[in-house]
Amino acid sequence: MKNSDTKLKSDELNAIANRLKELRKEKGYTNYEHIAFALEMSRSAYWRLETGANFELKTLIKICRLLDISLEEFFQGIKIPNSKLSK
């Protein structure tokens, strides 16, 4: 994979991680350890989500249910550029 592709993916994952952290705090989970407990995840596993790790959609759905938000609300404000397809 090209360096620019890696950076782009990293930027996208970081945008999602930042949104996750923002929503967690808005919903009153001031400490990531508390939401990890509520999600029945280890603290380290949840911490990785907030630091830009790739994760499964089922995890995102579980987080959205806990925070009582829709997927649309979760992704609100996250800008992910369209990729250019090679032909």
N, C-alpha and C. Protein backbone atom coordinates (compact mmCIF):
# COMPACT_ATOMS: atom_id res chain seq x y z
N MET A 1 0.84 -1.18 0.00
CA MET A 1 0.00 0.00 0.00
C MET A 1 0.88 1.23 0.00
N LYS A 2 0.49 2.23 -0.74
CA LYS A 2 1.26 3.46 -0.82
C LYS A 2 1.18 4.23 0.50
N ASN A 3 2.22 5.02 0.77
CA ASN A 3 2.22 5.83 1.99
C ASN A 3 1.04 6.78 2.05
N SER A 4 0.67 7.39 0.92
CA SER A 4 -0.47 8.32 0.92
C SER A 4 -1.77 7.59 1.25
N ASP A 5 -1.92 6.34 0.77
CA ASP A 5 -3.10 5.54 1.09
C ASP A 5 -3.14 5.22 2.57
N THR A 6 -1.98 4.88 3.14
CA THR A 6 -1.90 4.56 4.56
C THR A 6 -2.26 5.78 5.40
N LYS A 7 -1.72 6.95 5.03
CA LYS A 7 -2.01 8.18 5.78
C LYS A 7 -3.48 8.53 5.69
N LEU A 8 -4.08 8.39 4.50
CA LEU A 8 -5.48 8.69 4.33
C LEU A 8 -6.33 7.81 5.22
N LYS A 9 -6.06 6.53 5.21
CA LYS A 9 -6.82 5.62 6.05
C LYS A 9 -6.62 5.95 7.52
N SER A 10 -5.42 6.32 7.88
CA SER A 10 -5.14 6.71 9.25
C SER A 10 -5.93 7.97 9.62
N ASP A 11 -5.98 8.94 8.72
CA ASP A 11 -6.74 10.17 8.97
C ASP A 11 -8.22 9.87 9.14
N GLU A 12 -8.74 8.97 8.32
CA GLU A 12 -10.16 8.60 8.42
C GLU A 12 -10.45 7.90 9.74
N LEU A 13 -9.60 6.95 10.12
CA LEU A 13 -9.80 6.25 11.39
C LEU A 13 -9.65 7.20 12.57
N ASN A 14 -8.74 8.15 12.48
CA ASN A 14 -8.58 9.12 13.55
C ASN A 14 -9.80 10.02 13.67
N ALA A 15 -10.43 10.37 12.54
CA ALA A 15 -11.64 11.18 12.58
C ALA A 15 -12.76 10.42 13.29
N ILE A 16 -12.87 9.13 13.02
CA ILE A 16 -13.88 8.30 13.69
C ILE A 16 -13.55 8.16 15.17
N ALA A 17 -12.29 7.97 15.50
CA ALA A 17 -11.87 7.86 16.90
C ALA A 17 -12.17 9.15 17.66
N ASN A 18 -11.91 10.29 17.05
CA ASN A 18 -12.19 11.57 17.70
C ASN A 18 -13.68 11.77 17.93
N ARG A 19 -14.49 11.35 16.96
CA ARG A 19 -15.95 11.45 17.11
C ARG A 19 -16.41 10.56 18.25
N LEU A 20 -15.87 9.37 18.34
CA LEU A 20 -16.21 8.45 19.42
C LEU A 20 -15.90 9.08 20.78
N LYS A 21 -14.73 9.66 20.92
CA LYS A 21 -14.33 10.31 22.17
C LYS A 21 -15.25 11.48 22.50
N GLU A 22 -15.57 12.28 21.48
CA GLU A 22 -16.45 13.43 21.65
C GLU A 22 -17.84 13.00 22.15
N LEU A 23 -18.41 11.98 21.51
CA LEU A 23 -19.74 11.49 21.89
C LEU A 23 -19.72 10.87 23.29
N ARG A 24 -18.66 10.16 23.60
CA ARG A 24 -18.55 9.56 24.93
C ARG A 24 -18.65 10.63 26.00
N LYS A 25 -17.91 11.70 25.81
CA LYS A 25 -17.90 12.79 26.80
C LYS A 25 -19.25 13.51 26.85
N GLU A 26 -19.87 13.72 25.67
CA GLU A 26 -21.18 14.36 25.62
C GLU A 26 -22.23 13.58 26.40
N LYS A 27 -22.10 12.26 26.38
CA LYS A 27 -23.08 11.40 27.04
C LYS A 27 -22.74 11.15 28.51
N GLY A 28 -21.73 11.84 29.02
CA GLY A 28 -21.44 11.78 30.45
C GLY A 28 -20.40 10.77 30.88
N TYR A 29 -19.79 10.08 29.94
CA TYR A 29 -18.72 9.13 30.26
C TYR A 29 -17.40 9.90 30.23
N THR A 30 -17.08 10.54 31.35
CA THR A 30 -15.88 11.38 31.38
C THR A 30 -14.61 10.56 31.33
N ASN A 31 -14.67 9.31 31.70
CA ASN A 31 -13.51 8.44 31.73
C ASN A 31 -13.76 7.27 30.77
N TYR A 32 -12.82 6.98 29.90
CA TYR A 32 -13.02 5.89 28.93
C TYR A 32 -13.19 4.55 29.62
N GLU A 33 -12.67 4.41 30.83
CA GLU A 33 -12.79 3.14 31.54
C GLU A 33 -14.25 2.83 31.89
N HIS A 34 -15.04 3.87 32.15
CA HIS A 34 -16.44 3.66 32.51
C HIS A 34 -17.25 3.15 31.32
N ILE A 35 -17.00 3.70 30.14
CA ILE A 35 -17.75 3.22 28.97
C ILE A 35 -17.26 1.82 28.58
N ALA A 36 -15.99 1.55 28.77
CA ALA A 36 -15.48 0.20 28.48
C ALA A 36 -16.21 -0.82 29.35
N PHE A 37 -16.40 -0.49 30.63
CA PHE A 37 -17.12 -1.38 31.54
C PHE A 37 -18.56 -1.57 31.07
N ALA A 38 -19.23 -0.47 30.70
CA ALA A 38 -20.62 -0.54 30.25
C ALA A 38 -20.76 -1.37 28.97
N LEU A 39 -19.72 -1.34 28.12
CA LEU A 39 -19.74 -2.11 26.87
C LEU A 39 -19.25 -3.54 27.06
N GLU A 40 -18.83 -3.86 28.27
CA GLU A 40 -18.28 -5.17 28.60
C GLU A 40 -17.04 -5.46 27.77
N MET A 41 -16.20 -4.43 27.65
CA MET A 41 -14.93 -4.54 26.93
C MET A 41 -13.80 -4.29 27.93
N SER A 42 -12.63 -4.77 27.59
CA SER A 42 -11.48 -4.43 28.42
C SER A 42 -11.16 -2.95 28.20
N ARG A 43 -10.54 -2.34 29.17
CA ARG A 43 -10.16 -0.93 29.05
C ARG A 43 -9.21 -0.74 27.87
N SER A 44 -8.28 -1.67 27.71
CA SER A 44 -7.30 -1.52 26.63
C SER A 44 -7.96 -1.66 25.26
N ALA A 45 -8.95 -2.54 25.14
CA ALA A 45 -9.65 -2.71 23.86
C ALA A 45 -10.41 -1.44 23.49
N TYR A 46 -11.08 -0.84 24.47
CA TYR A 46 -11.80 0.40 24.18
C TYR A 46 -10.84 1.53 23.89
N TRP A 47 -9.76 1.61 24.64
CA TRP A 47 -8.76 2.66 24.43
C TRP A 47 -8.25 2.63 22.99
N ARG A 48 -8.05 1.43 22.45
CA ARG A 48 -7.59 1.31 21.06
C ARG A 48 -8.59 1.93 20.08
N LEU A 49 -9.89 1.82 20.38
CA LEU A 49 -10.90 2.41 19.51
C LEU A 49 -10.74 3.93 19.46
N GLU A 50 -10.47 4.52 20.61
CA GLU A 50 -10.34 5.98 20.68
C GLU A 50 -8.98 6.47 20.20
N THR A 51 -8.10 5.58 19.85
CA THR A 51 -6.79 5.99 19.33
C THR A 51 -6.65 5.66 17.85
N GLY A 52 -7.76 5.30 17.21
CA GLY A 52 -7.76 5.13 15.76
C GLY A 52 -7.61 3.72 15.25
N ALA A 53 -7.82 2.72 16.10
CA ALA A 53 -7.75 1.33 15.64
C ALA A 53 -8.97 1.02 14.78
N ASN A 54 -8.78 0.15 13.83
CA ASN A 54 -9.89 -0.31 13.01
C ASN A 54 -10.72 -1.26 13.86
N PHE A 55 -12.04 -1.18 13.73
CA PHE A 55 -12.88 -2.08 14.51
C PHE A 55 -14.10 -2.49 13.72
N GLU A 56 -14.80 -3.49 14.22
CA GLU A 56 -15.92 -4.09 13.50
C GLU A 56 -17.18 -3.24 13.64
N LEU A 57 -18.04 -3.35 12.63
CA LEU A 57 -19.31 -2.62 12.66
C LEU A 57 -20.18 -3.03 13.84
N LYS A 58 -20.13 -4.30 14.22
CA LYS A 58 -20.95 -4.73 15.35
C LYS A 58 -20.53 -4.01 16.63
N THR A 59 -19.26 -3.66 16.75
CA THR A 59 -18.79 -2.89 17.90
C THR A 59 -19.35 -1.48 17.84
N LEU A 60 -19.34 -0.88 16.66
CA LEU A 60 -19.89 0.46 16.50
C LEU A 60 -21.39 0.48 16.82
N ILE A 61 -22.10 -0.52 16.37
CA ILE A 61 -23.54 -0.61 16.65
C ILE A 61 -23.77 -0.72 18.15
N LYS A 62 -22.99 -1.53 18.82
CA LYS A 62 -23.11 -1.68 20.27
C LYS A 62 -22.85 -0.34 20.97
N ILE A 63 -21.86 0.39 20.51
CA ILE A 63 -21.54 1.70 21.09
C ILE A 63 -22.71 2.67 20.86
N CYS A 64 -23.24 2.69 19.65
CA CYS A 64 -24.35 3.59 19.34
C CYS A 64 -25.58 3.26 20.19
N ARG A 65 -25.85 2.00 20.40
CA ARG A 65 -26.97 1.62 21.26
C ARG A 65 -26.76 2.10 22.68
N LEU A 66 -25.56 1.92 23.20
CA LEU A 66 -25.27 2.37 24.56
C LEU A 66 -25.41 3.89 24.68
N LEU A 67 -24.93 4.62 23.69
CA LEU A 67 -24.98 6.08 23.72
C LEU A 67 -26.34 6.62 23.27
N ASP A 68 -27.23 5.72 22.84
CA ASP A 68 -28.58 6.08 22.38
C ASP A 68 -28.52 7.06 21.22
N ILE A 69 -27.72 6.71 20.21
CA ILE A 69 -27.61 7.52 18.99
C ILE A 69 -27.70 6.59 17.78
N SER A 70 -28.06 7.17 16.65
CA SER A 70 -28.12 6.39 15.41
C SER A 70 -26.74 6.40 14.75
N LEU A 71 -26.56 5.52 13.78
CA LEU A 71 -25.32 5.53 13.01
C LEU A 71 -25.17 6.86 12.27
N GLU A 72 -26.28 7.38 11.79
CA GLU A 72 -26.25 8.68 11.10
C GLU A 72 -25.73 9.77 12.05
N GLU A 73 -26.21 9.77 13.29
CA GLU A 73 -25.74 10.76 14.26
C GLU A 73 -24.26 10.56 14.57
N PHE A 74 -23.84 9.30 14.63
CA PHE A 74 -22.43 9.03 14.91
C PHE A 74 -21.54 9.64 13.84
N PHE A 75 -21.89 9.45 12.59
CA PHE A 75 -21.04 9.90 11.49
C PHE A 75 -21.25 11.38 11.12
N GLN A 76 -22.18 12.04 11.79
CA GLN A 76 -22.42 13.46 11.52
C GLN A 76 -21.14 14.26 11.74
N GLY A 77 -20.76 15.02 10.73
CA GLY A 77 -19.58 15.87 10.84
C GLY A 77 -18.28 15.21 10.44
N ILE A 78 -18.28 13.91 10.19
CA ILE A 78 -17.07 13.22 9.76
C ILE A 78 -17.00 13.29 8.24
N LYS A 79 -15.94 13.86 7.74
CA LYS A 79 -15.75 13.99 6.30
C LYS A 79 -14.75 12.93 5.83
N ILE A 80 -15.22 12.03 4.99
CA ILE A 80 -14.35 11.02 4.41
C ILE A 80 -14.37 11.23 2.90
N PRO A 81 -13.25 11.59 2.33
CA PRO A 81 -13.24 11.89 0.89
C PRO A 81 -13.51 10.67 0.05
N ASN A 82 -14.11 10.91 -1.11
CA ASN A 82 -14.32 9.83 -2.07
C ASN A 82 -12.98 9.39 -2.61
N SER A 83 -12.86 8.10 -2.86
CA SER A 83 -11.62 7.61 -3.44
C SER A 83 -11.71 7.70 -4.96
N LYS A 84 -10.57 7.83 -5.60
CA LYS A 84 -10.52 7.82 -7.05
C LYS A 84 -10.20 6.40 -7.49
N LEU A 85 -11.09 5.83 -8.26
CA LEU A 85 -10.91 4.46 -8.71
C LEU A 85 -10.05 4.44 -9.97
N SER A 86 -9.11 3.54 -10.00
CA SER A 86 -8.28 3.37 -11.20
C SER A 86 -8.99 2.47 -12.18
N LYS A 87 -8.92 2.84 -13.44
CA LYS A 87 -9.57 2.01 -14.46
C LYS A 87 -8.57 1.40 -15.35
